[in-house]
Amino acid sequence: VTKTRTKVCLSVIWLAALSVALLPCFQVGSYT
């Protein structure tokens, strides 16, 4: 565990959450 790897881990988390949130843009689910 280093600061660099911690920052990479946080970036992956934000990117994963963003990918899930954008799924309706690819016709997977929808918001209403």
Full PDB file with SEQRES, HELIX, SHEET, SSBOND, CRYST1, ORIGX, SCALE, CONECT and MASTER records, all heavy atoms in Angstrom:
SEQRES   1 A   32  VAL THR LYS THR ARG THR LYS VAL CYS LEU SER VAL ILE          
SEQRES   2 A   32  TRP LEU ALA ALA LEU SER VAL ALA LEU LEU PRO CYS PHE          
SEQRES   3 A   32  GLN VAL GLY SER TYR THR                                      
HELIX    1 AA1 LYS A    3  ALA A   21  1                                  19    
HELIX    2 AA2 LEU A   23  PHE A   26  5                                   4    
CRYST1    1.000    1.000    1.000  90.00  90.00  90.00 P 1           1          
ORIGX1      1.000000  0.000000  0.000000        0.00000                         
ORIGX2      0.000000  1.000000  0.000000        0.00000                         
ORIGX3      0.000000  0.000000  1.000000        0.00000                         
SCALE1      1.000000  0.000000  0.000000        0.00000                         
SCALE2      0.000000  1.000000  0.000000        0.00000                         
SCALE3      0.000000  0.000000  1.000000        0.00000                         
ATOM      1  N   VAL A   1       0.843  -1.200   0.000  1.00  0.00           N  
ATOM      2  CA  VAL A   1       0.000   0.000   0.000  1.00  0.00           C  
ATOM      3  C   VAL A   1       0.877   1.248   0.000  1.00  0.00           C  
ATOM      4  O   VAL A   1       1.615   1.503   0.944  1.00  0.00           O  
ATOM      5  CB  VAL A   1      -0.943   0.013   1.222  1.00  0.00           C  
ATOM      6  CG1 VAL A   1      -1.819   1.264   1.192  1.00  0.00           C  
ATOM      7  CG2 VAL A   1      -1.810  -1.234   1.234  1.00  0.00           C  
ATOM      8  N   THR A   2       0.806   2.014  -1.079  1.00  0.00           N  
ATOM      9  CA  THR A   2       1.528   3.281  -1.205  1.00  0.00           C  
ATOM     10  C   THR A   2       0.533   4.378  -1.581  1.00  0.00           C  
ATOM     11  O   THR A   2      -0.617   4.097  -1.951  1.00  0.00           O  
ATOM     12  CB  THR A   2       2.617   3.180  -2.279  1.00  0.00           C  
ATOM     13  OG1 THR A   2       1.995   2.923  -3.558  1.00  0.00           O  
ATOM     14  CG2 THR A   2       3.598   2.060  -1.958  1.00  0.00           C  
ATOM     15  N   LYS A   3       0.983   5.624  -1.508  1.00  0.00           N  
ATOM     16  CA  LYS A   3       0.105   6.729  -1.873  1.00  0.00           C  
ATOM     17  C   LYS A   3      -0.280   6.659  -3.346  1.00  0.00           C  
ATOM     18  O   LYS A   3      -1.430   6.938  -3.716  1.00  0.00           O  
ATOM     19  CB  LYS A   3       0.798   8.061  -1.573  1.00  0.00           C  
ATOM     20  CG  LYS A   3       0.953   8.359  -0.098  1.00  0.00           C  
ATOM     21  CD  LYS A   3       1.596   9.711   0.119  1.00  0.00           C  
ATOM     22  CE  LYS A   3       1.784   9.999   1.612  1.00  0.00           C  
ATOM     23  NZ  LYS A   3       2.439  11.326   1.847  1.00  0.00           N  
ATOM     24  N   THR A   4       0.679   6.258  -4.186  1.00  0.00           N  
ATOM     25  CA  THR A   4       0.390   6.163  -5.621  1.00  0.00           C  
ATOM     26  C   THR A   4      -0.668   5.105  -5.898  1.00  0.00           C  
ATOM     27  O   THR A   4      -1.628   5.340  -6.644  1.00  0.00           O  
ATOM     28  CB  THR A   4       1.674   5.819  -6.395  1.00  0.00           C  
ATOM     29  OG1 THR A   4       2.657   6.835  -6.152  1.00  0.00           O  
ATOM     30  CG2 THR A   4       1.390   5.741  -7.894  1.00  0.00           C  
ATOM     31  N   ARG A   5      -0.517   3.936  -5.274  1.00  0.00           N  
ATOM     32  CA  ARG A   5      -1.496   2.866  -5.468  1.00  0.00           C  
ATOM     33  C   ARG A   5      -2.844   3.225  -4.862  1.00  0.00           C  
ATOM     34  O   ARG A   5      -3.891   2.824  -5.380  1.00  0.00           O  
ATOM     35  CB  ARG A   5      -0.966   1.571  -4.866  1.00  0.00           C  
ATOM     36  CG  ARG A   5       0.183   0.965  -5.672  1.00  0.00           C  
ATOM     37  CD  ARG A   5       0.769  -0.249  -5.002  1.00  0.00           C  
ATOM     38  NE  ARG A   5       1.860  -0.816  -5.801  1.00  0.00           N  
ATOM     39  CZ  ARG A   5       2.643  -1.797  -5.401  1.00  0.00           C  
ATOM     40  NH1 ARG A   5       2.468  -2.350  -4.190  1.00  0.00           N  
ATOM     41  NH2 ARG A   5       3.606  -2.261  -6.184  1.00  0.00           N  
ATOM     42  N   THR A   6      -2.823   3.978  -3.782  1.00  0.00           N  
ATOM     43  CA  THR A   6      -4.084   4.443  -3.197  1.00  0.00           C  
ATOM     44  C   THR A   6      -4.819   5.374  -4.159  1.00  0.00           C  
ATOM     45  O   THR A   6      -6.038   5.265  -4.344  1.00  0.00           O  
ATOM     46  CB  THR A   6      -3.817   5.171  -1.876  1.00  0.00           C  
ATOM     47  OG1 THR A   6      -3.159   4.291  -0.962  1.00  0.00           O  
ATOM     48  CG2 THR A   6      -5.119   5.659  -1.248  1.00  0.00           C  
ATOM     49  N   LYS A   7      -4.076   6.270  -4.805  1.00  0.00           N  
ATOM     50  CA  LYS A   7      -4.687   7.182  -5.778  1.00  0.00           C  
ATOM     51  C   LYS A   7      -5.212   6.418  -6.987  1.00  0.00           C  
ATOM     52  O   LYS A   7      -6.280   6.744  -7.523  1.00  0.00           O  
ATOM     53  CB  LYS A   7      -3.672   8.238  -6.208  1.00  0.00           C  
ATOM     54  CG  LYS A   7      -3.286   9.207  -5.095  1.00  0.00           C  
ATOM     55  CD  LYS A   7      -2.196  10.164  -5.540  1.00  0.00           C  
ATOM     56  CE  LYS A   7      -1.794  11.095  -4.396  1.00  0.00           C  
ATOM     57  NZ  LYS A   7      -0.684  12.016  -4.780  1.00  0.00           N  
ATOM     58  N   VAL A   8      -4.474   5.386  -7.412  1.00  0.00           N  
ATOM     59  CA  VAL A   8      -4.939   4.549  -8.520  1.00  0.00           C  
ATOM     60  C   VAL A   8      -6.225   3.825  -8.128  1.00  0.00           C  
ATOM     61  O   VAL A   8      -7.181   3.751  -8.916  1.00  0.00           O  
ATOM     62  CB  VAL A   8      -3.852   3.534  -8.938  1.00  0.00           C  
ATOM     63  CG1 VAL A   8      -4.418   2.521  -9.927  1.00  0.00           C  
ATOM     64  CG2 VAL A   8      -2.655   4.252  -9.541  1.00  0.00           C  
ATOM     65  N   CYS A   9      -6.266   3.309  -6.904  1.00  0.00           N  
ATOM     66  CA  CYS A   9      -7.462   2.617  -6.409  1.00  0.00           C  
ATOM     67  C   CYS A   9      -8.668   3.556  -6.391  1.00  0.00           C  
ATOM     68  O   CYS A   9      -9.770   3.182  -6.812  1.00  0.00           O  
ATOM     69  CB  CYS A   9      -7.185   2.064  -5.014  1.00  0.00           C  
ATOM     70  SG  CYS A   9      -8.611   1.234  -4.243  1.00  0.00           S  
ATOM     71  N   LEU A  10      -8.470   4.782  -5.933  1.00  0.00           N  
ATOM     72  CA  LEU A  10      -9.558   5.754  -5.910  1.00  0.00           C  
ATOM     73  C   LEU A  10     -10.022   6.094  -7.321  1.00  0.00           C  
ATOM     74  O   LEU A  10     -11.229   6.221  -7.573  1.00  0.00           O  
ATOM     75  CB  LEU A  10      -9.102   7.026  -5.187  1.00  0.00           C  
ATOM     76  CG  LEU A  10      -8.935   6.906  -3.670  1.00  0.00           C  
ATOM     77  CD1 LEU A  10      -8.197   8.119  -3.114  1.00  0.00           C  
ATOM     78  CD2 LEU A  10     -10.288   6.761  -2.991  1.00  0.00           C  
ATOM     79  N   SER A  11      -9.082   6.220  -8.239  1.00  0.00           N  
ATOM     80  CA  SER A  11      -9.445   6.507  -9.633  1.00  0.00           C  
ATOM     81  C   SER A  11     -10.269   5.375 -10.226  1.00  0.00           C  
ATOM     82  O   SER A  11     -11.242   5.620 -10.952  1.00  0.00           O  
ATOM     83  CB  SER A  11      -8.175   6.729 -10.468  1.00  0.00           C  
ATOM     84  OG  SER A  11      -7.418   7.819  -9.974  1.00  0.00           O  
ATOM     85  N   VAL A  12      -9.881   4.133  -9.922  1.00  0.00           N  
ATOM     86  CA  VAL A  12     -10.632   2.972 -10.415  1.00  0.00           C  
ATOM     87  C   VAL A  12     -12.042   2.964  -9.836  1.00  0.00           C  
ATOM     88  O   VAL A  12     -13.020   2.668 -10.538  1.00  0.00           O  
ATOM     89  CB  VAL A  12      -9.890   1.666 -10.064  1.00  0.00           C  
ATOM     90  CG1 VAL A  12     -10.764   0.449 -10.347  1.00  0.00           C  
ATOM     91  CG2 VAL A  12      -8.580   1.572 -10.848  1.00  0.00           C  
ATOM     92  N   ILE A  13     -12.175   3.311  -8.557  1.00  0.00           N  
ATOM     93  CA  ILE A  13     -13.500   3.352  -7.926  1.00  0.00           C  
ATOM     94  C   ILE A  13     -14.385   4.393  -8.595  1.00  0.00           C  
ATOM     95  O   ILE A  13     -15.551   4.116  -8.942  1.00  0.00           O  
ATOM     96  CB  ILE A  13     -13.356   3.642  -6.424  1.00  0.00           C  
ATOM     97  CG1 ILE A  13     -12.785   2.417  -5.697  1.00  0.00           C  
ATOM     98  CG2 ILE A  13     -14.702   4.037  -5.810  1.00  0.00           C  
ATOM     99  CD1 ILE A  13     -12.454   2.659  -4.248  1.00  0.00           C  
ATOM    100  N   TRP A  14     -13.856   5.594  -8.785  1.00  0.00           N  
ATOM    101  CA  TRP A  14     -14.642   6.655  -9.433  1.00  0.00           C  
ATOM    102  C   TRP A  14     -15.017   6.262 -10.855  1.00  0.00           C  
ATOM    103  O   TRP A  14     -16.139   6.503 -11.300  1.00  0.00           O  
ATOM    104  CB  TRP A  14     -13.867   7.969  -9.422  1.00  0.00           C  
ATOM    105  CG  TRP A  14     -13.817   8.632  -8.090  1.00  0.00           C  
ATOM    106  CD1 TRP A  14     -14.819   8.693  -7.161  1.00  0.00           C  
ATOM    107  CD2 TRP A  14     -12.703   9.328  -7.510  1.00  0.00           C  
ATOM    108  NE1 TRP A  14     -14.395   9.385  -6.053  1.00  0.00           N  
ATOM    109  CE2 TRP A  14     -13.118   9.790  -6.226  1.00  0.00           C  
ATOM    110  CE3 TRP A  14     -11.410   9.616  -7.933  1.00  0.00           C  
ATOM    111  CZ2 TRP A  14     -12.274  10.517  -5.385  1.00  0.00           C  
ATOM    112  CZ3 TRP A  14     -10.569  10.350  -7.095  1.00  0.00           C  
ATOM    113  CH2 TRP A  14     -11.003  10.788  -5.839  1.00  0.00           C  
ATOM    114  N   LEU A  15     -14.075   5.636 -11.575  1.00  0.00           N  
ATOM    115  CA  LEU A  15     -14.345   5.232 -12.951  1.00  0.00           C  
ATOM    116  C   LEU A  15     -15.390   4.119 -13.002  1.00  0.00           C  
ATOM    117  O   LEU A  15     -16.270   4.121 -13.873  1.00  0.00           O  
ATOM    118  CB  LEU A  15     -13.042   4.761 -13.613  1.00  0.00           C  
ATOM    119  CG  LEU A  15     -13.130   4.373 -15.097  1.00  0.00           C  
ATOM    120  CD1 LEU A  15     -13.595   5.558 -15.923  1.00  0.00           C  
ATOM    121  CD2 LEU A  15     -11.778   3.877 -15.601  1.00  0.00           C  
ATOM    122  N   ALA A  16     -15.320   3.167 -12.069  1.00  0.00           N  
ATOM    123  CA  ALA A  16     -16.299   2.082 -12.025  1.00  0.00           C  
ATOM    124  C   ALA A  16     -17.697   2.622 -11.737  1.00  0.00           C  
ATOM    125  O   ALA A  16     -18.679   2.224 -12.383  1.00  0.00           O  
ATOM    126  CB  ALA A  16     -15.891   1.058 -10.962  1.00  0.00           C  
ATOM    127  N   ALA A  17     -17.809   3.530 -10.757  1.00  0.00           N  
ATOM    128  CA  ALA A  17     -19.115   4.117 -10.436  1.00  0.00           C  
ATOM    129  C   ALA A  17     -19.658   4.930 -11.606  1.00  0.00           C  
ATOM    130  O   ALA A  17     -20.859   4.888 -11.904  1.00  0.00           O  
ATOM    131  CB  ALA A  17     -18.998   4.998  -9.191  1.00  0.00           C  
ATOM    132  N   LEU A  18     -18.771   5.649 -12.292  1.00  0.00           N  
ATOM    133  CA  LEU A  18     -19.201   6.429 -13.458  1.00  0.00           C  
ATOM    134  C   LEU A  18     -19.666   5.517 -14.579  1.00  0.00           C  
ATOM    135  O   LEU A  18     -20.662   5.814 -15.263  1.00  0.00           O  
ATOM    136  CB  LEU A  18     -18.046   7.313 -13.939  1.00  0.00           C  
ATOM    137  CG  LEU A  18     -18.330   8.222 -15.140  1.00  0.00           C  
ATOM    138  CD1 LEU A  18     -19.443   9.209 -14.810  1.00  0.00           C  
ATOM    139  CD2 LEU A  18     -17.071   8.961 -15.580  1.00  0.00           C  
ATOM    140  N   SER A  19     -18.987   4.394 -14.763  1.00  0.00           N  
ATOM    141  CA  SER A  19     -19.375   3.442 -15.811  1.00  0.00           C  
ATOM    142  C   SER A  19     -20.774   2.879 -15.546  1.00  0.00           C  
ATOM    143  O   SER A  19     -21.587   2.756 -16.475  1.00  0.00           O  
ATOM    144  CB  SER A  19     -18.353   2.301 -15.894  1.00  0.00           C  
ATOM    145  OG  SER A  19     -17.060   2.796 -16.207  1.00  0.00           O  
ATOM    146  N   VAL A  20     -21.055   2.558 -14.282  1.00  0.00           N  
ATOM    147  CA  VAL A  20     -22.388   2.054 -13.942  1.00  0.00           C  
ATOM    148  C   VAL A  20     -23.442   3.136 -14.169  1.00  0.00           C  
ATOM    149  O   VAL A  20     -24.525   2.873 -14.705  1.00  0.00           O  
ATOM    150  CB  VAL A  20     -22.422   1.567 -12.480  1.00  0.00           C  
ATOM    151  CG1 VAL A  20     -23.839   1.166 -12.076  1.00  0.00           C  
ATOM    152  CG2 VAL A  20     -21.468   0.392 -12.283  1.00  0.00           C  
ATOM    153  N   ALA A  21     -23.131   4.374 -13.767  1.00  0.00           N  
ATOM    154  CA  ALA A  21     -24.089   5.473 -13.918  1.00  0.00           C  
ATOM    155  C   ALA A  21     -24.399   5.768 -15.384  1.00  0.00           C  
ATOM    156  O   ALA A  21     -25.495   6.235 -15.709  1.00  0.00           O  
ATOM    157  CB  ALA A  21     -23.552   6.724 -13.235  1.00  0.00           C  
ATOM    158  N   LEU A  22     -23.443   5.491 -16.277  1.00  0.00           N  
ATOM    159  CA  LEU A  22     -23.633   5.798 -17.698  1.00  0.00           C  
ATOM    160  C   LEU A  22     -24.247   4.649 -18.488  1.00  0.00           C  
ATOM    161  O   LEU A  22     -24.419   4.771 -19.706  1.00  0.00           O  
ATOM    162  CB  LEU A  22     -22.277   6.181 -18.323  1.00  0.00           C  
ATOM    163  CG  LEU A  22     -21.666   7.504 -17.866  1.00  0.00           C  
ATOM    164  CD1 LEU A  22     -20.306   7.711 -18.519  1.00  0.00           C  
ATOM    165  CD2 LEU A  22     -22.585   8.684 -18.179  1.00  0.00           C  
ATOM    166  N   LEU A  23     -24.564   3.542 -17.843  1.00  0.00           N  
ATOM    167  CA  LEU A  23     -25.123   2.391 -18.553  1.00  0.00           C  
ATOM    168  C   LEU A  23     -26.402   2.713 -19.336  1.00  0.00           C  
ATOM    169  O   LEU A  23     -26.602   2.176 -20.436  1.00  0.00           O  
ATOM    170  CB  LEU A  23     -25.384   1.247 -17.565  1.00  0.00           C  
ATOM    171  CG  LEU A  23     -24.151   0.452 -17.122  1.00  0.00           C  
ATOM    172  CD1 LEU A  23     -24.545  -0.619 -16.123  1.00  0.00           C  
ATOM    173  CD2 LEU A  23     -23.443  -0.167 -18.315  1.00  0.00           C  
ATOM    174  N   PRO A  24     -27.323   3.571 -18.822  1.00  0.00           N  
ATOM    175  CA  PRO A  24     -28.506   3.908 -19.627  1.00  0.00           C  
ATOM    176  C   PRO A  24     -28.169   4.555 -20.964  1.00  0.00           C  
ATOM    177  O   PRO A  24     -28.989   4.485 -21.896  1.00  0.00           O  
ATOM    178  CB  PRO A  24     -29.275   4.876 -18.721  1.00  0.00           C  
ATOM    179  CG  PRO A  24     -28.898   4.455 -17.342  1.00  0.00           C  
ATOM    180  CD  PRO A  24     -27.453   4.088 -17.441  1.00  0.00           C  
ATOM    181  N   CYS A  25     -26.995   5.181 -21.072  1.00  0.00           N  
ATOM    182  CA  CYS A  25     -26.585   5.749 -22.365  1.00  0.00           C  
ATOM    183  C   CYS A  25     -26.359   4.654 -23.399  1.00  0.00           C  
ATOM    184  O   CYS A  25     -26.368   4.923 -24.609  1.00  0.00           O  
ATOM    185  CB  CYS A  25     -25.316   6.578 -22.201  1.00  0.00           C  
ATOM    186  SG  CYS A  25     -25.510   8.021 -21.132  1.00  0.00           S  
ATOM    187  N   PHE A  26     -26.128   3.424 -22.934  1.00  0.00           N  
ATOM    188  CA  PHE A  26     -25.921   2.279 -23.828  1.00  0.00           C  
ATOM    189  C   PHE A  26     -27.125   1.331 -23.800  1.00  0.00           C  
ATOM    190  O   PHE A  26     -26.988   0.134 -24.058  1.00  0.00           O  
ATOM    191  CB  PHE A  26     -24.651   1.538 -23.406  1.00  0.00           C  
ATOM    192  CG  PHE A  26     -23.414   2.407 -23.418  1.00  0.00           C  
ATOM    193  CD1 PHE A  26     -22.957   2.997 -22.240  1.00  0.00           C  
ATOM    194  CD2 PHE A  26     -22.732   2.656 -24.595  1.00  0.00           C  
ATOM    195  CE1 PHE A  26     -21.827   3.810 -22.238  1.00  0.00           C  
ATOM    196  CE2 PHE A  26     -21.608   3.465 -24.607  1.00  0.00           C  
ATOM    197  CZ  PHE A  26     -21.150   4.043 -23.436  1.00  0.00           C  
ATOM    198  N   GLN A  27     -28.284   1.905 -23.469  1.00  0.00           N  
ATOM    199  CA  GLN A  27     -29.554   1.169 -23.487  1.00  0.00           C  
ATOM    200  C   GLN A  27     -29.612   0.039 -22.466  1.00  0.00           C  
ATOM    201  O   GLN A  27     -30.361  -0.919 -22.640  1.00  0.00           O  
ATOM    202  CB  GLN A  27     -29.830   0.613 -24.891  1.00  0.00           C  
ATOM    203  CG  GLN A  27     -29.755   1.637 -26.000  1.00  0.00           C  
ATOM    204  CD  GLN A  27     -30.696   2.824 -25.765  1.00  0.00           C  
ATOM    205  OE1 GLN A  27     -31.834   2.635 -25.389  1.00  0.00           O  
ATOM    206  NE2 GLN A  27     -30.207   4.043 -25.997  1.00  0.00           N  
ATOM    207  N   VAL A  28     -28.812   0.126 -21.410  1.00  0.00           N  
ATOM    208  CA  VAL A  28     -28.881  -0.844 -20.317  1.00  0.00           C  
ATOM    209  C   VAL A  28     -29.553  -0.148 -19.138  1.00  0.00           C  
ATOM    210  O   VAL A  28     -28.921   0.583 -18.388  1.00  0.00           O  
ATOM    211  CB  VAL A  28     -27.485  -1.354 -19.911  1.00  0.00           C  
ATOM    212  CG1 VAL A  28     -27.605  -2.359 -18.754  1.00  0.00           C  
ATOM    213  CG2 VAL A  28     -26.777  -1.992 -21.095  1.00  0.00           C  
ATOM    214  N   GLY A  29     -30.842  -0.355 -18.985  1.00  0.00           N  
ATOM    215  CA  GLY A  29     -31.583   0.329 -17.936  1.00  0.00           C  
ATOM    216  C   GLY A  29     -31.977   1.728 -18.365  1.00  0.00           C  
ATOM    217  O   GLY A  29     -31.639   2.202 -19.462  1.00  0.00           O  
ATOM    218  N   SER A  30     -32.699   2.407 -17.498  1.00  0.00           N  
ATOM    219  CA  SER A  30     -33.146   3.771 -17.786  1.00  0.00           C  
ATOM    220  C   SER A  30     -33.444   4.500 -16.483  1.00  0.00           C  
ATOM    221  O   SER A  30     -33.687   3.884 -15.445  1.00  0.00           O  
ATOM    222  CB  SER A  30     -34.396   3.755 -18.672  1.00  0.00           C  
ATOM    223  OG  SER A  30     -35.461   3.087 -18.015  1.00  0.00           O  
ATOM    224  N   TYR A  31     -33.420   5.820 -16.570  1.00  0.00           N  
ATOM    225  CA  TYR A  31     -33.793   6.681 -15.446  1.00  0.00           C  
ATOM    226  C   TYR A  31     -35.151   7.299 -15.748  1.00  0.00           C  
ATOM    227  O   TYR A  31     -35.461   7.628 -16.896  1.00  0.00           O  
ATOM    228  CB  TYR A  31     -32.769   7.793 -15.233  1.00  0.00           C  
ATOM    229  CG  TYR A  31     -31.381   7.303 -14.906  1.00  0.00           C  
ATOM    230  CD1 TYR A  31     -30.303   7.604 -15.732  1.00  0.00           C  
ATOM    231  CD2 TYR A  31     -31.140   6.547 -13.761  1.00  0.00           C  
ATOM    232  CE1 TYR A  31     -29.027   7.168 -15.425  1.00  0.00           C  
ATOM    233  CE2 TYR A  31     -29.867   6.106 -13.444  1.00  0.00           C  
ATOM    234  CZ  TYR A  31     -28.809   6.419 -14.288  1.00  0.00           C  
ATOM    235  OH  TYR A  31     -27.555   5.971 -13.983  1.00  0.00           O  
ATOM    236  N   THR A  32     -35.947   7.466 -14.708  1.00  0.00           N  
ATOM    237  CA  THR A  32     -37.258   8.083 -14.886  1.00  0.00           C  
ATOM    238  C   THR A  32     -37.606   8.890 -13.641  1.00  0.00           C  
ATOM    239  O   THR A  32     -37.035   8.671 -12.566  1.00  0.00           O  
ATOM    240  CB  THR A  32     -38.333   7.016 -15.137  1.00  0.00           C  
ATOM    241  OG1 THR A  32     -39.575   7.668 -15.442  1.00  0.00           O  
ATOM    242  CG2 THR A  32     -38.534   6.143 -13.912  1.00  0.00           C  
TER     243      THR A  32                                                      
MASTER        0    0    0    2    0    0    0    6  242    1    0    3          
END                                                                             
